Amino acid sequence: MQSAAPRLVPDTSIWEVQSDGARVANVTSRPDGAEIVVTAEIFHRGRGATVTKPHRFADADAASSFVGDLVASFAYLGCQISRA
């Protein structure tokens, strides 16, 4: 399991979240001007639909805290998280 507090870098970062071998979500962070945008793309089993939730942060520290909490929540639920 990866650290629950990944540090974001100025590049785009992607984490893949799986449960029982099935993709549950992708979490992407990317710079957008002076901000960092973190997008959680949630996949619904059997429905083929996705829900995309973008969140904007003024700095990398705030975005890293959010991603760390999100990754920790998925890990708590028994999901496997890997850097894509």
PDB file of N, CA and C in Angstrom:
ATOM      1  N   MET A   1       0.845  -1.167   0.000  1.00  0.00           N
ATOM      2  CA  MET A   1       0.000   0.000   0.000  1.00  0.00           C
ATOM      3  C   MET A   1       0.893   1.233   0.000  1.00  0.00           C
ATOM      4  N   GLN A   2       0.488   2.240  -0.765  1.00  0.00           N
ATOM      5  CA  GLN A   2       1.264   3.466  -0.820  1.00  0.00           C
ATOM      6  C   GLN A   2       0.997   4.326   0.396  1.00  0.00           C
ATOM      7  N   SER A   3       1.886   5.276   0.586  1.00  0.00           N
ATOM      8  CA  SER A   3       1.733   6.225   1.673  1.00  0.00           C
ATOM      9  C   SER A   3       0.390   6.933   1.565  1.00  0.00           C
ATOM     10  N   ALA A   4      -0.217   7.214   2.697  1.00  0.00           N
ATOM     11  CA  ALA A   4      -1.495   7.911   2.707  1.00  0.00           C
ATOM     12  C   ALA A   4      -1.323   9.395   2.451  1.00  0.00           C
ATOM     13  N   ALA A   5      -0.109   9.878   2.325  1.00  0.00           N
ATOM     14  CA  ALA A   5       0.128  11.297   2.098  1.00  0.00           C
ATOM     15  C   ALA A   5       1.083  11.511   0.924  1.00  0.00           C
ATOM     16  N   PRO A   6       0.632  11.202  -0.317  1.00  0.00           N
ATOM     17  CA  PRO A   6       1.519  11.400  -1.449  1.00  0.00           C
ATOM     18  C   PRO A   6       1.817  12.881  -1.651  1.00  0.00           C
ATOM     19  N   ARG A   7       3.042  13.185  -2.020  1.00  0.00           N
ATOM     20  CA  ARG A   7       3.422  14.569  -2.287  1.00  0.00           C
ATOM     21  C   ARG A   7       3.234  14.827  -3.776  1.00  0.00           C
ATOM     22  N   LEU A   8       2.563  15.903  -4.088  1.00  0.00           N
ATOM     23  CA  LEU A   8       2.327  16.234  -5.483  1.00  0.00           C
ATOM     24  C   LEU A   8       3.522  16.977  -6.046  1.00  0.00           C
ATOM     25  N   VAL A   9       3.774  16.743  -7.294  1.00  0.00           N
ATOM     26  CA  VAL A   9       4.849  17.416  -7.996  1.00  0.00           C
ATOM     27  C   VAL A   9       4.219  18.315  -9.059  1.00  0.00           C
ATOM     28  N   PRO A  10       4.993  19.226  -9.659  1.00  0.00           N
ATOM     29  CA  PRO A  10       4.406  20.142 -10.636  1.00  0.00           C
ATOM     30  C   PRO A  10       3.840  19.454 -11.872  1.00  0.00           C
ATOM     31  N   ASP A  11       4.183  18.198 -12.095  1.00  0.00           N
ATOM     32  CA  ASP A  11       3.669  17.459 -13.247  1.00  0.00           C
ATOM     33  C   ASP A  11       2.299  16.873 -12.927  1.00  0.00           C
ATOM     34  N   THR A  12       1.702  16.265 -13.920  1.00  0.00           N
ATOM     35  CA  THR A  12       0.449  15.540 -13.718  1.00  0.00           C
ATOM     36  C   THR A  12       0.755  14.222 -13.024  1.00  0.00           C
ATOM     37  N   SER A  13      -0.038  13.901 -12.000  1.00  0.00           N
ATOM     38  CA  SER A  13       0.101  12.639 -11.266  1.00  0.00           C
ATOM     39  C   SER A  13      -1.231  11.908 -11.326  1.00  0.00           C
ATOM     40  N   ILE A  14      -1.160  10.578 -11.482  1.00  0.00           N
ATOM     41  CA  ILE A  14      -2.382   9.767 -11.569  1.00  0.00           C
ATOM     42  C   ILE A  14      -2.254   8.577 -10.633  1.00  0.00           C
ATOM     43  N   TRP A  15      -3.308   8.323  -9.858  1.00  0.00           N
ATOM     44  CA  TRP A  15      -3.391   7.139  -9.011  1.00  0.00           C
ATOM     45  C   TRP A  15      -4.600   6.340  -9.472  1.00  0.00           C
ATOM     46  N   GLU A  16      -4.423   5.016  -9.564  1.00  0.00           N
ATOM     47  CA  GLU A  16      -5.522   4.122  -9.923  1.00  0.00           C
ATOM     48  C   GLU A  16      -5.967   3.390  -8.666  1.00  0.00           C
ATOM     49  N   VAL A  17      -7.266   3.359  -8.452  1.00  0.00           N
ATOM     50  CA  VAL A  17      -7.842   2.710  -7.277  1.00  0.00           C
ATOM     51  C   VAL A  17      -8.629   1.489  -7.753  1.00  0.00           C
ATOM     52  N   GLN A  18      -8.313   0.315  -7.152  1.00  0.00           N
ATOM     53  CA  GLN A  18      -9.002  -0.924  -7.511  1.00  0.00           C
ATOM     54  C   GLN A  18      -9.551  -1.598  -6.266  1.00  0.00           C
ATOM     55  N   SER A  19     -10.634  -2.324  -6.467  1.00  0.00           N
ATOM     56  CA  SER A  19     -11.215  -3.149  -5.415  1.00  0.00           C
ATOM     57  C   SER A  19     -11.558  -4.494  -6.030  1.00  0.00           C
ATOM     58  N   ASP A  20     -11.014  -5.559  -5.467  1.00  0.00           N
ATOM     59  CA  ASP A  20     -11.236  -6.909  -5.984  1.00  0.00           C
ATOM     60  C   ASP A  20     -10.910  -7.000  -7.472  1.00  0.00           C
ATOM     61  N   GLY A  21      -9.844  -6.311  -7.897  1.00  0.00           N
ATOM     62  CA  GLY A  21      -9.400  -6.368  -9.278  1.00  0.00           C
ATOM     63  C   GLY A  21     -10.141  -5.463 -10.240  1.00  0.00           C
ATOM     64  N   ALA A  22     -11.188  -4.807  -9.787  1.00  0.00           N
ATOM     65  CA  ALA A  22     -11.957  -3.920 -10.659  1.00  0.00           C
ATOM     66  C   ALA A  22     -11.592  -2.465 -10.370  1.00  0.00           C
ATOM     67  N   ARG A  23     -11.467  -1.683 -11.419  1.00  0.00           N
ATOM     68  CA  ARG A  23     -11.148  -0.263 -11.248  1.00  0.00           C
ATOM     69  C   ARG A  23     -12.345   0.457 -10.620  1.00  0.00           C
ATOM     70  N   VAL A  24     -12.066   1.186  -9.570  1.00  0.00           N
ATOM     71  CA  VAL A  24     -13.087   1.934  -8.837  1.00  0.00           C
ATOM     72  C   VAL A  24     -12.981   3.423  -9.153  1.00  0.00           C
ATOM     73  N   ALA A  25     -11.741   3.912  -9.251  1.00  0.00           N
ATOM     74  CA  ALA A  25     -11.535   5.344  -9.468  1.00  0.00           C
ATOM     75  C   ALA A  25     -10.149   5.617 -10.016  1.00  0.00           C
ATOM     76  N   ASN A  26     -10.022   6.767 -10.628  1.00  0.00           N
ATOM     77  CA  ASN A  26      -8.731   7.351 -10.964  1.00  0.00           C
ATOM     78  C   ASN A  26      -8.693   8.713 -10.292  1.00  0.00           C
ATOM     79  N   VAL A  27      -7.582   9.029  -9.670  1.00  0.00           N
ATOM     80  CA  VAL A  27      -7.389  10.339  -9.050  1.00  0.00           C
ATOM     81  C   VAL A  27      -6.229  10.991  -9.786  1.00  0.00           C
ATOM     82  N   THR A  28      -6.485  12.152 -10.359  1.00  0.00           N
ATOM     83  CA  THR A  28      -5.489  12.857 -11.151  1.00  0.00           C
ATOM     84  C   THR A  28      -5.248  14.237 -10.562  1.00  0.00           C
ATOM     85  N   SER A  29      -3.991  14.621 -10.441  1.00  0.00           N
ATOM     86  CA  SER A  29      -3.668  15.998 -10.062  1.00  0.00           C
ATOM     87  C   SER A  29      -2.851  16.596 -11.195  1.00  0.00           C
ATOM     88  N   ARG A  30      -3.131  17.857 -11.492  1.00  0.00           N
ATOM     89  CA  ARG A  30      -2.403  18.527 -12.570  1.00  0.00           C
ATOM     90  C   ARG A  30      -2.366  20.023 -12.300  1.00  0.00           C
ATOM     91  N   PRO A  31      -1.287  20.663 -12.724  1.00  0.00           N
ATOM     92  CA  PRO A  31      -1.219  22.112 -12.577  1.00  0.00           C
ATOM     93  C   PRO A  31      -2.153  22.779 -13.580  1.00  0.00           C
ATOM     94  N   ASP A  32      -2.739  23.895 -13.183  1.00  0.00           N
ATOM     95  CA  ASP A  32      -3.593  24.684 -14.064  1.00  0.00           C
ATOM     96  C   ASP A  32      -3.336  26.147 -13.719  1.00  0.00           C
ATOM     97  N   GLY A  33      -2.387  26.728 -14.402  1.00  0.00           N
ATOM     98  CA  GLY A  33      -1.975  28.083 -14.066  1.00  0.00           C
ATOM     99  C   GLY A  33      -1.313  28.077 -12.695  1.00  0.00           C
ATOM    100  N   ALA A  34      -1.777  28.933 -11.806  1.00  0.00           N
ATOM    101  CA  ALA A  34      -1.223  29.008 -10.453  1.00  0.00           C
ATOM    102  C   ALA A  34      -1.879  28.008  -9.506  1.00  0.00           C
ATOM    103  N   GLU A  35      -2.887  27.271  -9.968  1.00  0.00           N
ATOM    104  CA  GLU A  35      -3.626  26.340  -9.124  1.00  0.00           C
ATOM    105  C   GLU A  35      -3.249  24.895  -9.439  1.00  0.00           C
ATOM    106  N   ILE A  36      -3.674  24.014  -8.547  1.00  0.00           N
ATOM    107  CA  ILE A  36      -3.582  22.567  -8.766  1.00  0.00           C
ATOM    108  C   ILE A  36      -5.021  22.052  -8.841  1.00  0.00           C
ATOM    109  N   VAL A  37      -5.329  21.290  -9.872  1.00  0.00           N
ATOM    110  CA  VAL A  37      -6.653  20.691 -10.012  1.00  0.00           C
ATOM    111  C   VAL A  37      -6.530  19.201  -9.722  1.00  0.00           C
ATOM    112  N   VAL A  38      -7.341  18.719  -8.795  1.00  0.00           N
ATOM    113  CA  VAL A  38      -7.398  17.293  -8.480  1.00  0.00           C
ATOM    114  C   VAL A  38      -8.762  16.805  -8.949  1.00  0.00           C
ATOM    115  N   THR A  39      -8.748  15.777  -9.782  1.00  0.00           N
ATOM    116  CA  THR A  39      -9.986  15.220 -10.309  1.00  0.00           C
ATOM    117  C   THR A  39     -10.111  13.768  -9.862  1.00  0.00           C
ATOM    118  N   ALA A  40     -11.247  13.456  -9.277  1.00  0.00           N
ATOM    119  CA  ALA A  40     -11.559  12.072  -8.912  1.00  0.00           C
ATOM    120  C   ALA A  40     -12.607  11.568  -9.903  1.00  0.00           C
ATOM    121  N   GLU A  41     -12.226  10.567 -10.683  1.00  0.00           N
ATOM    122  CA  GLU A  41     -13.140   9.956 -11.647  1.00  0.00           C
ATOM    123  C   GLU A  41     -13.595   8.623 -11.061  1.00  0.00           C
ATOM    124  N   ILE A  42     -14.876   8.533 -10.742  1.00  0.00           N
ATOM    125  CA  ILE A  42     -15.440   7.363 -10.074  1.00  0.00           C
ATOM    126  C   ILE A  42     -16.157   6.501 -11.104  1.00  0.00           C
ATOM    127  N   PHE A  43     -15.862   5.197 -11.092  1.00  0.00           N
ATOM    128  CA  PHE A  43     -16.467   4.258 -12.034  1.00  0.00           C
ATOM    129  C   PHE A  43     -17.524   3.432 -11.319  1.00  0.00           C
ATOM    130  N   HIS A  44     -18.677   3.283 -11.949  1.00  0.00           N
ATOM    131  CA  HIS A  44     -19.771   2.497 -11.374  1.00  0.00           C
ATOM    132  C   HIS A  44     -19.778   1.113 -12.007  1.00  0.00           C
ATOM    133  N   ARG A  45     -19.688   0.093 -11.176  1.00  0.00           N
ATOM    134  CA  ARG A  45     -19.679  -1.288 -11.669  1.00  0.00           C
ATOM    135  C   ARG A  45     -20.988  -1.623 -12.372  1.00  0.00           C
ATOM    136  N   GLY A  46     -20.845  -2.235 -13.535  1.00  0.00           N
ATOM    137  CA  GLY A  46     -22.009  -2.738 -14.254  1.00  0.00           C
ATOM    138  C   GLY A  46     -22.817  -1.679 -14.970  1.00  0.00           C
ATOM    139  N   ARG A  47     -22.575  -0.408 -14.696  1.00  0.00           N
ATOM    140  CA  ARG A  47     -23.357   0.644 -15.346  1.00  0.00           C
ATOM    141  C   ARG A  47     -22.569   1.386 -16.403  1.00  0.00           C
ATOM    142  N   GLY A  48     -21.262   1.236 -16.388  1.00  0.00           N
ATOM    143  CA  GLY A  48     -20.432   1.896 -17.378  1.00  0.00           C
ATOM    144  C   GLY A  48     -20.357   3.406 -17.233  1.00  0.00           C
ATOM    145  N   ALA A  49     -21.051   3.968 -16.288  1.00  0.00           N
ATOM    146  CA  ALA A  49     -21.061   5.414 -16.112  1.00  0.00           C
ATOM    147  C   ALA A  49     -19.909   5.843 -15.224  1.00  0.00           C
ATOM    148  N   THR A  50     -19.470   7.067 -15.419  1.00  0.00           N
ATOM    149  CA  THR A  50     -18.458   7.639 -14.547  1.00  0.00           C
ATOM    150  C   THR A  50     -18.946   8.978 -14.012  1.00  0.00           C
ATOM    151  N   VAL A  51     -18.455   9.330 -12.863  1.00  0.00           N
ATOM    152  CA  VAL A  51     -18.721  10.632 -12.277  1.00  0.00           C
ATOM    153  C   VAL A  51     -17.370  11.301 -12.082  1.00  0.00           C
ATOM    154  N   THR A  52     -17.210  12.495 -12.587  1.00  0.00           N
ATOM    155  CA  THR A  52     -15.953  13.215 -12.461  1.00  0.00           C
ATOM    156  C   THR A  52     -16.153  14.409 -11.548  1.00  0.00           C
ATOM    157  N   LYS A  53     -15.313  14.500 -10.525  1.00  0.00           N
ATOM    158  CA  LYS A  53     -15.404  15.575  -9.541  1.00  0.00           C
ATOM    159  C   LYS A  53     -14.084  16.343  -9.510  1.00  0.00           C
ATOM    160  N   PRO A  54     -14.003  17.520 -10.155  1.00  0.00           N
ATOM    161  CA  PRO A  54     -12.776  18.314 -10.067  1.00  0.00           C
ATOM    162  C   PRO A  54     -12.785  19.219  -8.832  1.00  0.00           C
ATOM    163  N   HIS A  55     -11.622  19.379  -8.237  1.00  0.00           N
ATOM    164  CA  HIS A  55     -11.443  20.250  -7.076  1.00  0.00           C
ATOM    165  C   HIS A  55     -10.216  21.112  -7.328  1.00  0.00           C
ATOM    166  N   ARG A  56     -10.321  22.423  -7.083  1.00  0.00           N
ATOM    167  CA  ARG A  56      -9.215  23.355  -7.315  1.00  0.00           C
ATOM    168  C   ARG A  56      -8.578  23.766  -5.990  1.00  0.00           C
ATOM    169  N   PHE A  57      -7.238  23.832  -5.994  1.00  0.00           N
ATOM    170  CA  PHE A  57      -6.491  24.222  -4.796  1.00  0.00           C
ATOM    171  C   PHE A  57      -5.486  25.303  -5.157  1.00  0.00           C
ATOM    172  N   ALA A  58      -5.283  26.225  -4.230  1.00  0.00           N
ATOM    173  CA  ALA A  58      -4.384  27.353  -4.464  1.00  0.00           C
ATOM    174  C   ALA A  58      -2.915  26.940  -4.464  1.00  0.00           C
ATOM    175  N   ASP A  59      -2.598  25.846  -3.771  1.00  0.00           N
ATOM    176  CA  ASP A  59      -1.189  25.431  -3.714  1.00  0.00           C
ATOM    177  C   ASP A  59      -1.076  23.918  -3.593  1.00  0.00           C
ATOM    178  N   ALA A  60       0.160  23.445  -3.795  1.00  0.00           N
ATOM    179  CA  ALA A  60       0.409  22.002  -3.784  1.00  0.00           C
ATOM    180  C   ALA A  60       0.194  21.396  -2.404  1.00  0.00           C
ATOM    181  N   ASP A  61       0.458  22.141  -1.331  1.00  0.00           N
ATOM    182  CA  ASP A  61       0.257  21.596   0.017  1.00  0.00           C
ATOM    183  C   ASP A  61      -1.209  21.264   0.273  1.00  0.00           C
ATOM    184  N   ALA A  62      -2.111  22.173  -0.097  1.00  0.00           N
ATOM    185  CA  ALA A  62      -3.546  21.931   0.096  1.00  0.00           C
ATOM    186  C   ALA A  62      -4.013  20.768  -0.767  1.00  0.00           C
ATOM    187  N   ALA A  63      -3.536  20.712  -2.011  1.00  0.00           N
ATOM    188  CA  ALA A  63      -3.908  19.612  -2.902  1.00  0.00           C
ATOM    189  C   ALA A  63      -3.363  18.291  -2.380  1.00  0.00           C
ATOM    190  N   SER A  64      -2.133  18.291  -1.870  1.00  0.00           N
ATOM    191  CA  SER A  64      -1.535  17.065  -1.325  1.00  0.00           C
ATOM    192  C   SER A  64      -2.301  16.559  -0.115  1.00  0.00           C
ATOM    193  N   SER A  65      -2.741  17.452   0.737  1.00  0.00           N
ATOM    194  CA  SER A  65      -3.539  17.052   1.901  1.00  0.00           C
ATOM    195  C   SER A  65      -4.839  16.389   1.459  1.00  0.00           C
ATOM    196  N   PHE A  66      -5.496  16.986   0.465  1.00  0.00           N
ATOM    197  CA  PHE A  66      -6.748  16.435  -0.046  1.00  0.00           C
ATOM    198  C   PHE A  66      -6.526  15.042  -0.640  1.00  0.00           C
ATOM    199  N   VAL A  67      -5.488  14.910  -1.488  1.00  0.00           N
ATOM    200  CA  VAL A  67      -5.197  13.614  -2.116  1.00  0.00           C
ATOM    201  C   VAL A  67      -4.816  12.592  -1.055  1.00  0.00           C
ATOM    202  N   GLY A  68      -4.037  12.997  -0.061  1.00  0.00           N
ATOM    203  CA  GLY A  68      -3.659  12.083   1.023  1.00  0.00           C
ATOM    204  C   GLY A  68      -4.867  11.554   1.757  1.00  0.00           C
ATOM    205  N   ASP A  69      -5.811  12.440   2.067  1.00  0.00           N
ATOM    206  CA  ASP A  69      -7.044  12.005   2.744  1.00  0.00           C
ATOM    207  C   ASP A  69      -7.874  11.092   1.855  1.00  0.00           C
ATOM    208  N   LEU A  70      -7.948  11.423   0.574  1.00  0.00           N
ATOM    209  CA  LEU A  70      -8.717  10.606  -0.363  1.00  0.00           C
ATOM    210  C   LEU A  70      -8.117   9.208  -0.503  1.00  0.00           C
ATOM    211  N   VAL A  71      -6.790   9.145  -0.653  1.00  0.00           N
ATOM    212  CA  VAL A  71      -6.099   7.852  -0.768  1.00  0.00           C
ATOM    213  C   VAL A  71      -6.261   7.044   0.518  1.00  0.00           C
ATOM    214  N   ALA A  72      -6.138   7.697   1.669  1.00  0.00           N
ATOM    215  CA  ALA A  72      -6.312   7.008   2.954  1.00  0.00           C
ATOM    216  C   ALA A  72      -7.727   6.450   3.085  1.00  0.00           C
ATOM    217  N   SER A  73      -8.708   7.195   2.607  1.00  0.00           N
ATOM    218  CA  SER A  73     -10.105   6.717   2.674  1.00  0.00           C
ATOM    219  C   SER A  73     -10.300   5.480   1.817  1.00  0.00           C
ATOM    220  N   PHE A  74      -9.751   5.502   0.596  1.00  0.00           N
ATOM    221  CA  PHE A  74      -9.858   4.318  -0.267  1.00  0.00           C
ATOM    222  C   PHE A  74      -9.136   3.128   0.366  1.00  0.00           C
ATOM    223  N   ALA A  75      -7.963   3.360   0.949  1.00  0.00           N
ATOM    224  CA  ALA A  75      -7.216   2.276   1.595  1.00  0.00           C
ATOM    225  C   ALA A  75      -8.004   1.717   2.781  1.00  0.00           C
ATOM    226  N   TYR A  76      -8.632   2.589   3.554  1.00  0.00           N
ATOM    227  CA  TYR A  76      -9.440   2.149   4.693  1.00  0.00           C
ATOM    228  C   TYR A  76     -10.581   1.242   4.232  1.00  0.00           C
ATOM    229  N   LEU A  77     -11.117   1.520   3.052  1.00  0.00           N
ATOM    230  CA  LEU A  77     -12.205   0.706   2.498  1.00  0.00           C
ATOM    231  C   LEU A  77     -11.706  -0.582   1.853  1.00  0.00           C
ATOM    232  N   GLY A  78     -10.389  -0.833   1.910  1.00  0.00           N
ATOM    233  CA  GLY A  78      -9.834  -2.081   1.395  1.00  0.00           C
ATOM    234  C   GLY A  78      -9.424  -2.020  -0.064  1.00  0.00           C
ATOM    235  N   CYS A  79      -9.365  -0.839  -0.632  1.00  0.00           N
ATOM    236  CA  CYS A  79      -8.970  -0.697  -2.035  1.00  0.00           C
ATOM    237  C   CYS A  79      -7.458  -0.720  -2.165  1.00  0.00           C
ATOM    238  N   GLN A  80      -7.001  -1.083  -3.352  1.00  0.00           N
ATOM    239  CA  GLN A  80      -5.590  -1.063  -3.661  1.00  0.00           C
ATOM    240  C   GLN A  80      -5.326   0.193  -4.493  1.00  0.00           C
ATOM    241  N   ILE A  81      -4.299   0.953  -4.113  1.00  0.00           N
ATOM    242  CA  ILE A  81      -3.972   2.193  -4.788  1.00  0.00           C
ATOM    243  C   ILE A  81      -2.580   2.071  -5.392  1.00  0.00           C
ATOM    244  N   SER A  82      -2.467   2.410  -6.683  1.00  0.00           N
ATOM    245  CA  SER A  82      -1.149   2.381  -7.328  1.00  0.00           C
ATOM    246  C   SER A  82      -0.990   3.618  -8.182  1.00  0.00           C
ATOM    247  N   ARG A  83       0.234   4.039  -8.283  1.00  0.00           N
ATOM    248  CA  ARG A  83       0.532   5.197  -9.131  1.00  0.00           C
ATOM    249  C   ARG A  83       0.527   4.730 -10.572  1.00  0.00           C
ATOM    250  N   ALA A  84      -0.228   5.382 -11.404  1.00  0.00           N
ATOM    251  CA  ALA A  84      -0.333   4.982 -12.827  1.00  0.00           C
ATOM    252  C   ALA A  84       0.714   5.678 -13.660  1.00  0.00           C
TER     253      ALA A  84
END
